[in-house]
Amino acid sequence: MKEFLFVFRRELGARDFESSPEKMQALWKAWQDWTGSLTAQNKVAAMGKRIDPDGKVVNHNKQVTDGPYVEVKEGMAGYMFVKAANIDEAVELAKGCPNLMMGGSVEIRSVMAEHYAG
């Protein structure tokens, strides 16, 4: 099995899903059901947490700016590491993500094997 990083992205500042307690409860249940299903299939390598939209960026010149980037309308909302045989299987797992119900997306990245020369 390979590991893949799922990056959950949404429009920065979007709060449509928080419009009612019923919608929030339904969304929370969808997340619980999806992550529970992945866990039951032994597909979760590591659970992530929600990410605050505010942050800082340090560039190669050690200049610090407010981040992620002002010109970008979509930001990272959270992440998760999953196990899958290949990227195609990881894509299929991502298709069940509740972030998609909120108009968001899931970026999928393969985690490279560590090859550090000590």
PDB file of N, CA and C in Angstrom:
ATOM      1  N   MET A   1       0.836  -1.196   0.000  1.00  0.00           N
ATOM      2  CA  MET A   1       0.000   0.000   0.000  1.00  0.00           C
ATOM      3  C   MET A   1       0.869   1.243   0.000  1.00  0.00           C
ATOM      4  N   LYS A   2       0.444   2.230  -0.744  1.00  0.00           N
ATOM      5  CA  LYS A   2       1.106   3.526  -0.762  1.00  0.00           C
ATOM      6  C   LYS A   2       0.299   4.490   0.101  1.00  0.00           C
ATOM      7  N   GLU A   3       0.943   5.570   0.514  1.00  0.00           N
ATOM      8  CA  GLU A   3       0.236   6.606   1.256  1.00  0.00           C
ATOM      9  C   GLU A   3      -0.008   7.803   0.351  1.00  0.00           C
ATOM     10  N   PHE A   4      -1.162   8.410   0.559  1.00  0.00           N
ATOM     11  CA  PHE A   4      -1.554   9.596  -0.199  1.00  0.00           C
ATOM     12  C   PHE A   4      -2.041  10.661   0.774  1.00  0.00           C
ATOM     13  N   LEU A   5      -1.749  11.887   0.440  1.00  0.00           N
ATOM     14  CA  LEU A   5      -2.226  13.022   1.209  1.00  0.00           C
ATOM     15  C   LEU A   5      -3.472  13.564   0.539  1.00  0.00           C
ATOM     16  N   PHE A   6      -4.549  13.691   1.296  1.00  0.00           N
ATOM     17  CA  PHE A   6      -5.750  14.371   0.830  1.00  0.00           C
ATOM     18  C   PHE A   6      -5.711  15.770   1.429  1.00  0.00           C
ATOM     19  N   VAL A   7      -5.746  16.790   0.589  1.00  0.00           N
ATOM     20  CA  VAL A   7      -5.817  18.173   1.047  1.00  0.00           C
ATOM     21  C   VAL A   7      -7.213  18.671   0.718  1.00  0.00           C
ATOM     22  N   PHE A   8      -7.952  19.024   1.740  1.00  0.00           N
ATOM     23  CA  PHE A   8      -9.323  19.506   1.559  1.00  0.00           C
ATOM     24  C   PHE A   8      -9.275  21.010   1.350  1.00  0.00           C
ATOM     25  N   ARG A   9      -9.755  21.451   0.188  1.00  0.00           N
ATOM     26  CA  ARG A   9      -9.729  22.866  -0.164  1.00  0.00           C
ATOM     27  C   ARG A   9     -11.149  23.411  -0.280  1.00  0.00           C
ATOM     28  N   ARG A  10     -11.302  24.673   0.133  1.00  0.00           N
ATOM     29  CA  ARG A  10     -12.584  25.369   0.016  1.00  0.00           C
ATOM     30  C   ARG A  10     -12.324  26.827  -0.283  1.00  0.00           C
ATOM     31  N   GLU A  11     -13.372  27.485  -0.742  1.00  0.00           N
ATOM     32  CA  GLU A  11     -13.276  28.923  -0.962  1.00  0.00           C
ATOM     33  C   GLU A  11     -13.064  29.599   0.388  1.00  0.00           C
ATOM     34  N   LEU A  12     -12.063  30.473   0.462  1.00  0.00           N
ATOM     35  CA  LEU A  12     -11.775  31.170   1.710  1.00  0.00           C
ATOM     36  C   LEU A  12     -12.962  32.025   2.133  1.00  0.00           C
ATOM     37  N   GLY A  13     -13.326  31.918   3.386  1.00  0.00           N
ATOM     38  CA  GLY A  13     -14.419  32.710   3.926  1.00  0.00           C
ATOM     39  C   GLY A  13     -15.799  32.149   3.663  1.00  0.00           C
ATOM     40  N   ALA A  14     -15.926  31.076   2.906  1.00  0.00           N
ATOM     41  CA  ALA A  14     -17.241  30.494   2.613  1.00  0.00           C
ATOM     42  C   ALA A  14     -17.814  29.870   3.866  1.00  0.00           C
ATOM     43  N   ARG A  15     -19.025  30.215   4.191  1.00  0.00           N
ATOM     44  CA  ARG A  15     -19.677  29.696   5.398  1.00  0.00           C
ATOM     45  C   ARG A  15     -21.095  29.211   5.107  1.00  0.00           C
ATOM     46  N   ASP A  16     -21.406  28.937   3.833  1.00  0.00           N
ATOM     47  CA  ASP A  16     -22.753  28.521   3.451  1.00  0.00           C
ATOM     48  C   ASP A  16     -23.231  27.304   4.230  1.00  0.00           C
ATOM     49  N   PHE A  17     -22.338  26.364   4.483  1.00  0.00           N
ATOM     50  CA  PHE A  17     -22.714  25.133   5.157  1.00  0.00           C
ATOM     51  C   PHE A  17     -23.077  25.354   6.613  1.00  0.00           C
ATOM     52  N   GLU A  18     -22.722  26.516   7.172  1.00  0.00           N
ATOM     53  CA  GLU A  18     -23.020  26.811   8.573  1.00  0.00           C
ATOM     54  C   GLU A  18     -24.328  27.581   8.733  1.00  0.00           C
ATOM     55  N   SER A  19     -25.153  27.603   7.701  1.00  0.00           N
ATOM     56  CA  SER A  19     -26.348  28.440   7.729  1.00  0.00           C
ATOM     57  C   SER A  19     -27.422  27.957   8.695  1.00  0.00           C
ATOM     58  N   SER A  20     -27.393  26.695   9.078  1.00  0.00           N
ATOM     59  CA  SER A  20     -28.373  26.217  10.046  1.00  0.00           C
ATOM     60  C   SER A  20     -27.779  25.066  10.849  1.00  0.00           C
ATOM     61  N   PRO A  21     -28.287  24.881  12.069  1.00  0.00           N
ATOM     62  CA  PRO A  21     -27.805  23.755  12.882  1.00  0.00           C
ATOM     63  C   PRO A  21     -28.069  22.407  12.213  1.00  0.00           C
ATOM     64  N   GLU A  22     -29.173  22.305  11.472  1.00  0.00           N
ATOM     65  CA  GLU A  22     -29.502  21.059  10.793  1.00  0.00           C
ATOM     66  C   GLU A  22     -28.479  20.727   9.711  1.00  0.00           C
ATOM     67  N   LYS A  23     -28.085  21.763   8.940  1.00  0.00           N
ATOM     68  CA  LYS A  23     -27.080  21.550   7.895  1.00  0.00           C
ATOM     69  C   LYS A  23     -25.730  21.178   8.513  1.00  0.00           C
ATOM     70  N   MET A  24     -25.371  21.841   9.591  1.00  0.00           N
ATOM     71  CA  MET A  24     -24.107  21.531  10.265  1.00  0.00           C
ATOM     72  C   MET A  24     -24.116  20.095  10.780  1.00  0.00           C
ATOM     73  N   GLN A  25     -25.235  19.678  11.380  1.00  0.00           N
ATOM     74  CA  GLN A  25     -25.340  18.318  11.917  1.00  0.00           C
ATOM     75  C   GLN A  25     -25.259  17.289  10.785  1.00  0.00           C
ATOM     76  N   ALA A  26     -25.933  17.552   9.673  1.00  0.00           N
ATOM     77  CA  ALA A  26     -25.891  16.628   8.536  1.00  0.00           C
ATOM     78  C   ALA A  26     -24.477  16.544   7.956  1.00  0.00           C
ATOM     79  N   LEU A  27     -23.801  17.683   7.874  1.00  0.00           N
ATOM     80  CA  LEU A  27     -22.436  17.691   7.361  1.00  0.00           C
ATOM     81  C   LEU A  27     -21.498  16.950   8.313  1.00  0.00           C
ATOM     82  N   TRP A  28     -21.641  17.182   9.602  1.00  0.00           N
ATOM     83  CA  TRP A  28     -20.811  16.494  10.591  1.00  0.00           C
ATOM     84  C   TRP A  28     -21.012  14.985  10.495  1.00  0.00           C
ATOM     85  N   LYS A  29     -22.251  14.552  10.335  1.00  0.00           N
ATOM     86  CA  LYS A  29     -22.538  13.123  10.204  1.00  0.00           C
ATOM     87  C   LYS A  29     -21.911  12.567   8.928  1.00  0.00           C
ATOM     88  N   ALA A  30     -21.969  13.325   7.844  1.00  0.00           N
ATOM     89  CA  ALA A  30     -21.364  12.868   6.590  1.00  0.00           C
ATOM     90  C   ALA A  30     -19.857  12.674   6.761  1.00  0.00           C
ATOM     91  N   TRP A  31     -19.191  13.599   7.466  1.00  0.00           N
ATOM     92  CA  TRP A  31     -17.762  13.457   7.727  1.00  0.00           C
ATOM     93  C   TRP A  31     -17.495  12.225   8.594  1.00  0.00           C
ATOM     94  N   GLN A  32     -18.294  12.044   9.641  1.00  0.00           N
ATOM     95  CA  GLN A  32     -18.122  10.874  10.518  1.00  0.00           C
ATOM     96  C   GLN A  32     -18.318   9.579   9.739  1.00  0.00           C
ATOM     97  N   ASP A  33     -19.339   9.533   8.913  1.00  0.00           N
ATOM     98  CA  ASP A  33     -19.618   8.328   8.121  1.00  0.00           C
ATOM     99  C   ASP A  33     -18.482   8.040   7.143  1.00  0.00           C
ATOM    100  N   TRP A  34     -18.000   9.076   6.457  1.00  0.00           N
ATOM    101  CA  TRP A  34     -16.948   8.888   5.464  1.00  0.00           C
ATOM    102  C   TRP A  34     -15.644   8.448   6.125  1.00  0.00           C
ATOM    103  N   THR A  35     -15.219   9.169   7.165  1.00  0.00           N
ATOM    104  CA  THR A  35     -13.967   8.802   7.829  1.00  0.00           C
ATOM    105  C   THR A  35     -14.100   7.455   8.542  1.00  0.00           C
ATOM    106  N   GLY A  36     -15.289   7.160   9.082  1.00  0.00           N
ATOM    107  CA  GLY A  36     -15.519   5.861   9.711  1.00  0.00           C
ATOM    108  C   GLY A  36     -15.414   4.729   8.711  1.00  0.00           C
ATOM    109  N   SER A  37     -15.934   4.952   7.510  1.00  0.00           N
ATOM    110  CA  SER A  37     -15.855   3.947   6.452  1.00  0.00           C
ATOM    111  C   SER A  37     -14.407   3.711   6.038  1.00  0.00           C
ATOM    112  N   LEU A  38     -13.641   4.795   5.871  1.00  0.00           N
ATOM    113  CA  LEU A  38     -12.233   4.649   5.509  1.00  0.00           C
ATOM    114  C   LEU A  38     -11.454   3.934   6.605  1.00  0.00           C
ATOM    115  N   THR A  39     -11.755   4.251   7.854  1.00  0.00           N
ATOM    116  CA  THR A  39     -11.086   3.598   8.981  1.00  0.00           C
ATOM    117  C   THR A  39     -11.424   2.113   9.018  1.00  0.00           C
ATOM    118  N   ALA A  40     -12.688   1.775   8.812  1.00  0.00           N
ATOM    119  CA  ALA A  40     -13.115   0.372   8.814  1.00  0.00           C
ATOM    120  C   ALA A  40     -12.439  -0.430   7.700  1.00  0.00           C
ATOM    121  N   GLN A  41     -12.119   0.236   6.593  1.00  0.00           N
ATOM    122  CA  GLN A  41     -11.434  -0.424   5.479  1.00  0.00           C
ATOM    123  C   GLN A  41      -9.910  -0.416   5.647  1.00  0.00           C
ATOM    124  N   ASN A  42      -9.437   0.086   6.792  1.00  0.00           N
ATOM    125  CA  ASN A  42      -8.001   0.225   7.069  1.00  0.00           C
ATOM    126  C   ASN A  42      -7.314   1.089   6.015  1.00  0.00           C
ATOM    127  N   LYS A  43      -7.979   2.164   5.607  1.00  0.00           N
ATOM    128  CA  LYS A  43      -7.448   3.067   4.594  1.00  0.00           C
ATOM    129  C   LYS A  43      -6.870   4.353   5.193  1.00  0.00           C
ATOM    130  N   VAL A  44      -7.080   4.595   6.483  1.00  0.00           N
ATOM    131  CA  VAL A  44      -6.595   5.826   7.102  1.00  0.00           C
ATOM    132  C   VAL A  44      -5.196   5.592   7.655  1.00  0.00           C
ATOM    133  N   ALA A  45      -4.238   6.371   7.169  1.00  0.00           N
ATOM    134  CA  ALA A  45      -2.871   6.296   7.679  1.00  0.00           C
ATOM    135  C   ALA A  45      -2.694   7.273   8.843  1.00  0.00           C
ATOM    136  N   ALA A  46      -3.305   8.447   8.735  1.00  0.00           N
ATOM    137  CA  ALA A  46      -3.256   9.448   9.804  1.00  0.00           C
ATOM    138  C   ALA A  46      -4.371  10.455   9.573  1.00  0.00           C
ATOM    139  N   MET A  47      -5.100  10.742  10.627  1.00  0.00           N
ATOM    140  CA  MET A  47      -6.172  11.735  10.536  1.00  0.00           C
ATOM    141  C   MET A  47      -5.570  13.124  10.690  1.00  0.00           C
ATOM    142  N   GLY A  48      -6.076  14.043   9.923  1.00  0.00           N
ATOM    143  CA  GLY A  48      -5.648  15.427  10.022  1.00  0.00           C
ATOM    144  C   GLY A  48      -6.630  16.212  10.857  1.00  0.00           C
ATOM    145  N   LYS A  49      -6.435  17.485  10.889  1.00  0.00           N
ATOM    146  CA  LYS A  49      -7.323  18.389  11.622  1.00  0.00           C
ATOM    147  C   LYS A  49      -7.698  19.542  10.715  1.00  0.00           C
ATOM    148  N   ARG A  50      -8.736  20.260  11.102  1.00  0.00           N
ATOM    149  CA  ARG A  50      -9.114  21.445  10.341  1.00  0.00           C
ATOM    150  C   ARG A  50      -8.007  22.476  10.433  1.00  0.00           C
ATOM    151  N   ILE A  51      -7.846  23.232   9.374  1.00  0.00           N
ATOM    152  CA  ILE A  51      -6.802  24.247   9.304  1.00  0.00           C
ATOM    153  C   ILE A  51      -7.446  25.627   9.314  1.00  0.00           C
ATOM    154  N   ASP A  52      -6.921  26.515  10.159  1.00  0.00           N
ATOM    155  CA  ASP A  52      -7.386  27.896  10.197  1.00  0.00           C
ATOM    156  C   ASP A  52      -6.997  28.571   8.887  1.00  0.00           C
ATOM    157  N   PRO A  53      -7.874  29.369   8.291  1.00  0.00           N
ATOM    158  CA  PRO A  53      -7.538  30.003   7.018  1.00  0.00           C
ATOM    159  C   PRO A  53      -6.445  31.062   7.125  1.00  0.00           C
ATOM    160  N   ASP A  54      -6.217  31.610   8.311  1.00  0.00           N
ATOM    161  CA  ASP A  54      -5.177  32.627   8.485  1.00  0.00           C
ATOM    162  C   ASP A  54      -3.823  31.963   8.698  1.00  0.00           C
ATOM    163  N   GLY A  55      -2.789  32.616   8.277  1.00  0.00           N
ATOM    164  CA  GLY A  55      -1.453  32.087   8.472  1.00  0.00           C
ATOM    165  C   GLY A  55      -0.415  33.058   7.956  1.00  0.00           C
ATOM    166  N   LYS A  56       0.793  32.604   7.876  1.00  0.00           N
ATOM    167  CA  LYS A  56       1.914  33.391   7.379  1.00  0.00           C
ATOM    168  C   LYS A  56       2.682  32.540   6.374  1.00  0.00           C
ATOM    169  N   VAL A  57       3.376  33.202   5.468  1.00  0.00           N
ATOM    170  CA  VAL A  57       4.230  32.534   4.496  1.00  0.00           C
ATOM    171  C   VAL A  57       5.626  33.136   4.625  1.00  0.00           C
ATOM    172  N   VAL A  58       6.624  32.269   4.747  1.00  0.00           N
ATOM    173  CA  VAL A  58       8.019  32.696   4.754  1.00  0.00           C
ATOM    174  C   VAL A  58       8.619  32.248   3.430  1.00  0.00           C
ATOM    175  N   ASN A  59       9.161  33.204   2.645  1.00  0.00           N
ATOM    176  CA  ASN A  59       9.732  32.831   1.343  1.00  0.00           C
ATOM    177  C   ASN A  59      11.230  32.593   1.451  1.00  0.00           C
ATOM    178  N   HIS A  60      11.848  32.298   0.320  1.00  0.00           N
ATOM    179  CA  HIS A  60      13.272  31.968   0.288  1.00  0.00           C
ATOM    180  C   HIS A  60      14.168  33.107   0.755  1.00  0.00           C
ATOM    181  N   ASN A  61      13.659  34.350   0.714  1.00  0.00           N
ATOM    182  CA  ASN A  61      14.412  35.508   1.209  1.00  0.00           C
ATOM    183  C   ASN A  61      14.121  35.800   2.668  1.00  0.00           C
ATOM    184  N   LYS A  62      13.365  34.892   3.307  1.00  0.00           N
ATOM    185  CA  LYS A  62      12.953  35.020   4.707  1.00  0.00           C
ATOM    186  C   LYS A  62      12.023  36.204   4.931  1.00  0.00           C
ATOM    187  N   GLN A  63      11.362  36.650   3.856  1.00  0.00           N
ATOM    188  CA  GLN A  63      10.336  37.678   3.988  1.00  0.00           C
ATOM    189  C   GLN A  63       9.056  36.990   4.442  1.00  0.00           C
ATOM    190  N   VAL A  64       8.342  37.635   5.335  1.00  0.00           N
ATOM    191  CA  VAL A  64       7.113  37.073   5.879  1.00  0.00           C
ATOM    192  C   VAL A  64       5.925  37.871   5.370  1.00  0.00           C
ATOM    193  N   THR A  65       4.930  37.173   4.828  1.00  0.00           N
ATOM    194  CA  THR A  65       3.701  37.812   4.367  1.00  0.00           C
ATOM    195  C   THR A  65       2.514  37.088   4.974  1.00  0.00           C
ATOM    196  N   ASP A  66       1.388  37.760   4.978  1.00  0.00           N
ATOM    197  CA  ASP A  66       0.168  37.094   5.406  1.00  0.00           C
ATOM    198  C   ASP A  66      -0.168  36.030   4.391  1.00  0.00           C
ATOM    199  N   GLY A  67      -0.663  34.902   4.863  1.00  0.00           N
ATOM    200  CA  GLY A  67      -0.939  33.811   3.942  1.00  0.00           C
ATOM    201  C   GLY A  67      -2.328  33.260   4.163  1.00  0.00           C
ATOM    202  N   PRO A  68      -2.712  32.284   3.385  1.00  0.00           N
ATOM    203  CA  PRO A  68      -1.852  31.603   2.438  1.00  0.00           C
ATOM    204  C   PRO A  68      -1.427  32.536   1.302  1.00  0.00           C
ATOM    205  N   TYR A  69      -2.300  33.040   0.489  1.00  0.00           N
ATOM    206  CA  TYR A  69      -1.985  34.057  -0.511  1.00  0.00           C
ATOM    207  C   TYR A  69      -3.240  34.872  -0.738  1.00  0.00           C
ATOM    208  N   VAL A  70      -3.105  36.177  -0.711  1.00  0.00           N
ATOM    209  CA  VAL A  70      -4.260  37.057  -0.827  1.00  0.00           C
ATOM    210  C   VAL A  70      -4.969  36.886  -2.161  1.00  0.00           C
ATOM    211  N   GLU A  71      -4.210  36.655  -3.230  1.00  0.00           N
ATOM    212  CA  GLU A  71      -4.822  36.560  -4.561  1.00  0.00           C
ATOM    213  C   GLU A  71      -5.525  35.229  -4.808  1.00  0.00           C
ATOM    214  N   VAL A  72      -5.368  34.279  -3.929  1.00  0.00           N
ATOM    215  CA  VAL A  72      -6.000  32.968  -4.086  1.00  0.00           C
ATOM    216  C   VAL A  72      -7.334  32.969  -3.351  1.00  0.00           C
ATOM    217  N   LYS A  73      -8.383  32.481  -4.012  1.00  0.00           N
ATOM    218  CA  LYS A  73      -9.701  32.475  -3.401  1.00  0.00           C
ATOM    219  C   LYS A  73      -9.986  31.174  -2.662  1.00  0.00           C
ATOM    220  N   GLU A  74      -9.182  30.144  -2.936  1.00  0.00           N
ATOM    221  CA  GLU A  74      -9.397  28.850  -2.319  1.00  0.00           C
ATOM    222  C   GLU A  74      -8.247  28.575  -1.359  1.00  0.00           C
ATOM    223  N   GLY A  75      -8.567  28.019  -0.200  1.00  0.00           N
ATOM    224  CA  GLY A  75      -7.533  27.725   0.773  1.00  0.00           C
ATOM    225  C   GLY A  75      -7.655  26.313   1.308  1.00  0.00           C
ATOM    226  N   MET A  76      -6.639  25.889   2.035  1.00  0.00           N
ATOM    227  CA  MET A  76      -6.628  24.566   2.627  1.00  0.00           C
ATOM    228  C   MET A  76      -7.486  24.581   3.893  1.00  0.00           C
ATOM    229  N   ALA A  77      -8.430  23.651   3.972  1.00  0.00           N
ATOM    230  CA  ALA A  77      -9.318  23.575   5.127  1.00  0.00           C
ATOM    231  C   ALA A  77      -8.940  22.430   6.058  1.00  0.00           C
ATOM    232  N   GLY A  78      -8.209  21.452   5.568  1.00  0.00           N
ATOM    233  CA  GLY A  78      -7.802  20.321   6.381  1.00  0.00           C
ATOM    234  C   GLY A  78      -7.059  19.309   5.539  1.00  0.00           C
ATOM    235  N   TYR A  79      -6.689  18.202   6.164  1.00  0.00           N
ATOM    236  CA  TYR A  79      -5.910  17.192   5.457  1.00  0.00           C
ATOM    237  C   TYR A  79      -6.081  15.829   6.122  1.00  0.00           C
ATOM    238  N   MET A  80      -5.667  14.798   5.433  1.00  0.00           N
ATOM    239  CA  MET A  80      -5.719  13.429   5.937  1.00  0.00           C
ATOM    240  C   MET A  80      -4.742  12.596   5.111  1.00  0.00           C
ATOM    241  N   PHE A  81      -4.111  11.631   5.722  1.00  0.00           N
ATOM    242  CA  PHE A  81      -3.281  10.675   4.996  1.00  0.00           C
ATOM    243  C   PHE A  81      -4.052   9.376   4.876  1.00  0.00           C
ATOM    244  N   VAL A  82      -4.115   8.836   3.667  1.00  0.00           N
ATOM    245  CA  VAL A  82      -4.830   7.579   3.432  1.00  0.00           C
ATOM    246  C   VAL A  82      -3.894   6.567   2.787  1.00  0.00           C
ATOM    247  N   LYS A  83      -4.295   5.309   2.860  1.00  0.00           N
ATOM    248  CA  LYS A  83      -3.555   4.223   2.221  1.00  0.00           C
ATOM    249  C   LYS A  83      -4.380   3.709   1.050  1.00  0.00           C
ATOM    250  N   ALA A  84      -3.725   3.527  -0.076  1.00  0.00           N
ATOM    251  CA  ALA A  84      -4.389   2.999  -1.267  1.00  0.00           C
ATOM    252  C   ALA A  84      -3.346   2.288  -2.116  1.00  0.00           C
ATOM    253  N   ALA A  85      -3.807   1.389  -2.958  1.00  0.00           N
ATOM    254  CA  ALA A  85      -2.900   0.636  -3.820  1.00  0.00           C
ATOM    255  C   ALA A  85      -2.229   1.538  -4.847  1.00  0.00           C
ATOM    256  N   ASN A  86      -2.970   2.552  -5.320  1.00  0.00           N
ATOM    257  CA  ASN A  86      -2.440   3.448  -6.348  1.00  0.00           C
ATOM    258  C   ASN A  86      -3.267   4.735  -6.350  1.00  0.00           C
ATOM    259  N   ILE A  87      -2.885   5.672  -7.178  1.00  0.00           N
ATOM    260  CA  ILE A  87      -3.576   6.970  -7.208  1.00  0.00           C
ATOM    261  C   ILE A  87      -5.033   6.836  -7.655  1.00  0.00           C
ATOM    262  N   ASP A  88      -5.317   5.876  -8.524  1.00  0.00           N
ATOM    263  CA  ASP A  88      -6.695   5.683  -8.976  1.00  0.00           C
ATOM    264  C   ASP A  88      -7.604   5.271  -7.820  1.00  0.00           C
ATOM    265  N   GLU A  89      -7.107   4.397  -6.960  1.00  0.00           N
ATOM    266  CA  GLU A  89      -7.896   4.011  -5.792  1.00  0.00           C
ATOM    267  C   GLU A  89      -8.052   5.196  -4.840  1.00  0.00           C
ATOM    268  N   ALA A  90      -6.987   5.981  -4.669  1.00  0.00           N
ATOM    269  CA  ALA A  90      -7.069   7.167  -3.816  1.00  0.00           C
ATOM    270  C   ALA A  90      -8.113   8.149  -4.343  1.00  0.00           C
ATOM    271  N   VAL A  91      -8.170   8.316  -5.659  1.00  0.00           N
ATOM    272  CA  VAL A  91      -9.180   9.191  -6.277  1.00  0.00           C
ATOM    273  C   VAL A  91     -10.582   8.687  -5.947  1.00  0.00           C
ATOM    274  N   GLU A  92     -10.794   7.385  -6.056  1.00  0.00           N
ATOM    275  CA  GLU A  92     -12.118   6.824  -5.753  1.00  0.00           C
ATOM    276  C   GLU A  92     -12.492   7.054  -4.294  1.00  0.00           C
ATOM    277  N   LEU A  93     -11.516   6.916  -3.374  1.00  0.00           N
ATOM    278  CA  LEU A  93     -11.787   7.181  -1.960  1.00  0.00           C
ATOM    279  C   LEU A  93     -12.154   8.649  -1.751  1.00  0.00           C
ATOM    280  N   ALA A  94     -11.478   9.548  -2.451  1.00  0.00           N
ATOM    281  CA  ALA A  94     -11.725  10.982  -2.306  1.00  0.00           C
ATOM    282  C   ALA A  94     -13.100  11.393  -2.807  1.00  0.00           C
ATOM    283  N   LYS A  95     -13.652  10.651  -3.746  1.00  0.00           N
ATOM    284  CA  LYS A  95     -14.961  11.003  -4.313  1.00  0.00           C
ATOM    285  C   LYS A  95     -16.081  10.965  -3.279  1.00  0.00           C
ATOM    286  N   GLY A  96     -15.864  10.292  -2.150  1.00  0.00           N
ATOM    287  CA  GLY A  96     -16.873  10.254  -1.094  1.00  0.00           C
ATOM    288  C   GLY A  96     -16.717  11.356  -0.060  1.00  0.00           C
ATOM    289  N   CYS A  97     -15.741  12.230  -0.236  1.00  0.00           N
ATOM    290  CA  CYS A  97     -15.443  13.262   0.763  1.00  0.00           C
ATOM    291  C   CYS A  97     -16.577  14.293   0.876  1.00  0.00           C
ATOM    292  N   PRO A  98     -17.047  14.542   2.094  1.00  0.00           N
ATOM    293  CA  PRO A  98     -18.101  15.545   2.296  1.00  0.00           C
ATOM    294  C   PRO A  98     -17.696  16.964   1.911  1.00  0.00           C
ATOM    295  N   ASN A  99     -16.413  17.248   1.819  1.00  0.00           N
ATOM    296  CA  ASN A  99     -15.972  18.577   1.380  1.00  0.00           C
ATOM    297  C   ASN A  99     -16.517  18.904  -0.004  1.00  0.00           C
ATOM    298  N   LEU A 100     -16.736  17.879  -0.816  1.00  0.00           N
ATOM    299  CA  LEU A 100     -17.280  18.082  -2.160  1.00  0.00           C
ATOM    300  C   LEU A 100     -18.724  18.589  -2.093  1.00  0.00           C
ATOM    301  N   MET A 101     -19.459  18.184  -1.045  1.00  0.00           N
ATOM    302  CA  MET A 101     -20.842  18.653  -0.867  1.00  0.00           C
ATOM    303  C   MET A 101     -20.882  20.146  -0.550  1.00  0.00           C
ATOM    304  N   MET A 102     -19.768  20.689  -0.077  1.00  0.00           N
ATOM    305  CA  MET A 102     -19.695  22.086   0.316  1.00  0.00           C
ATOM    306  C   MET A 102     -19.110  22.946  -0.796  1.00  0.00           C
ATOM    307  N   GLY A 103     -18.948  22.371  -1.988  1.00  0.00           N
ATOM    308  CA  GLY A 103     -18.369  23.116  -3.097  1.00  0.00           C
ATOM    309  C   GLY A 103     -16.853  23.114  -3.086  1.00  0.00           C
ATOM    310  N   GLY A 104     -16.263  22.323  -2.197  1.00  0.00           N
ATOM    311  CA  GLY A 104     -14.811  22.263  -2.091  1.00  0.00           C
ATOM    312  C   GLY A 104     -14.222  21.204  -3.007  1.00  0.00           C
ATOM    313  N   SER A 105     -12.944  20.951  -2.832  1.00  0.00           N
ATOM    314  CA  SER A 105     -12.244  19.958  -3.630  1.00  0.00           C
ATOM    315  C   SER A 105     -11.301  19.165  -2.733  1.00  0.00           C
ATOM    316  N   VAL A 106     -10.781  18.071  -3.283  1.00  0.00           N
ATOM    317  CA  VAL A 106      -9.785  17.264  -2.588  1.00  0.00           C
ATOM    318  C   VAL A 106      -8.576  17.138  -3.505  1.00  0.00           C
ATOM    319  N   GLU A 107      -7.468  17.679  -3.059  1.00  0.00           N
ATOM    320  CA  GLU A 107      -6.210  17.513  -3.786  1.00  0.00           C
ATOM    321  C   GLU A 107      -5.576  16.220  -3.293  1.00  0.00           C
ATOM    322  N   ILE A 108      -5.075  15.412  -4.205  1.00  0.00           N
ATOM    323  CA  ILE A 108      -4.506  14.112  -3.855  1.00  0.00           C
ATOM    324  C   ILE A 108      -3.045  14.108  -4.255  1.00  0.00           C
ATOM    325  N   ARG A 109      -2.176  13.817  -3.289  1.00  0.00           N
ATOM    326  CA  ARG A 109      -0.746  13.764  -3.552  1.00  0.00           C
ATOM    327  C   ARG A 109      -0.177  12.458  -3.023  1.00  0.00           C
ATOM    328  N   SER A 110       0.680  11.838  -3.791  1.00  0.00           N
ATOM    329  CA  SER A 110       1.378  10.641  -3.354  1.00  0.00           C
ATOM    330  C   SER A 110       2.461  11.048  -2.361  1.00  0.00           C
ATOM    331  N   VAL A 111       2.583  10.291  -1.275  1.00  0.00           N
ATOM    332  CA  VAL A 111       3.625  10.544  -0.293  1.00  0.00           C
ATOM    333  C   VAL A 111       4.864   9.767  -0.734  1.00  0.00           C
ATOM    334  N   MET A 112       5.957  10.479  -0.898  1.00  0.00           N
ATOM    335  CA  MET A 112       7.183   9.845  -1.379  1.00  0.00           C
ATOM    336  C   MET A 112       7.855   9.071  -0.252  1.00  0.00           C
ATOM    337  N   ALA A 113       8.483   7.973  -0.590  1.00  0.00           N
ATOM    338  CA  ALA A 113       9.234   7.180   0.379  1.00  0.00           C
ATOM    339  C   ALA A 113      10.411   8.013   0.873  1.00  0.00           C
ATOM    340  N   GLU A 114      10.732   7.855   2.127  1.00  0.00           N
ATOM    341  CA  GLU A 114      11.848   8.607   2.707  1.00  0.00           C
ATOM    342  C   GLU A 114      13.168   7.965   2.307  1.00  0.00           C
ATOM    343  N   HIS A 115      14.034   8.777   1.755  1.00  0.00           N
ATOM    344  CA  HIS A 115      15.366   8.319   1.359  1.00  0.00           C
ATOM    345  C   HIS A 115      16.379   9.363   1.787  1.00  0.00           C
ATOM    346  N   TYR A 116      16.597   9.470   3.072  1.00  0.00           N
ATOM    347  CA  TYR A 116      17.524  10.454   3.594  1.00  0.00           C
ATOM    348  C   TYR A 116      18.890   9.802   3.822  1.00  0.00           C
ATOM    349  N   ALA A 117      19.897  10.464   3.377  1.00  0.00           N
ATOM    350  CA  ALA A 117      21.249  10.002   3.674  1.00  0.00           C
ATOM    351  C   ALA A 117      21.688  10.682   4.966  1.00  0.00           C
ATOM    352  N   GLY A 118      21.884   9.907   5.989  1.00  0.00           N
ATOM    353  CA  GLY A 118      22.129  10.416   7.321  1.00  0.00           C
ATOM    354  C   GLY A 118      23.437  10.986   7.527  1.00  0.00           C
TER     355      GLY A 118
END
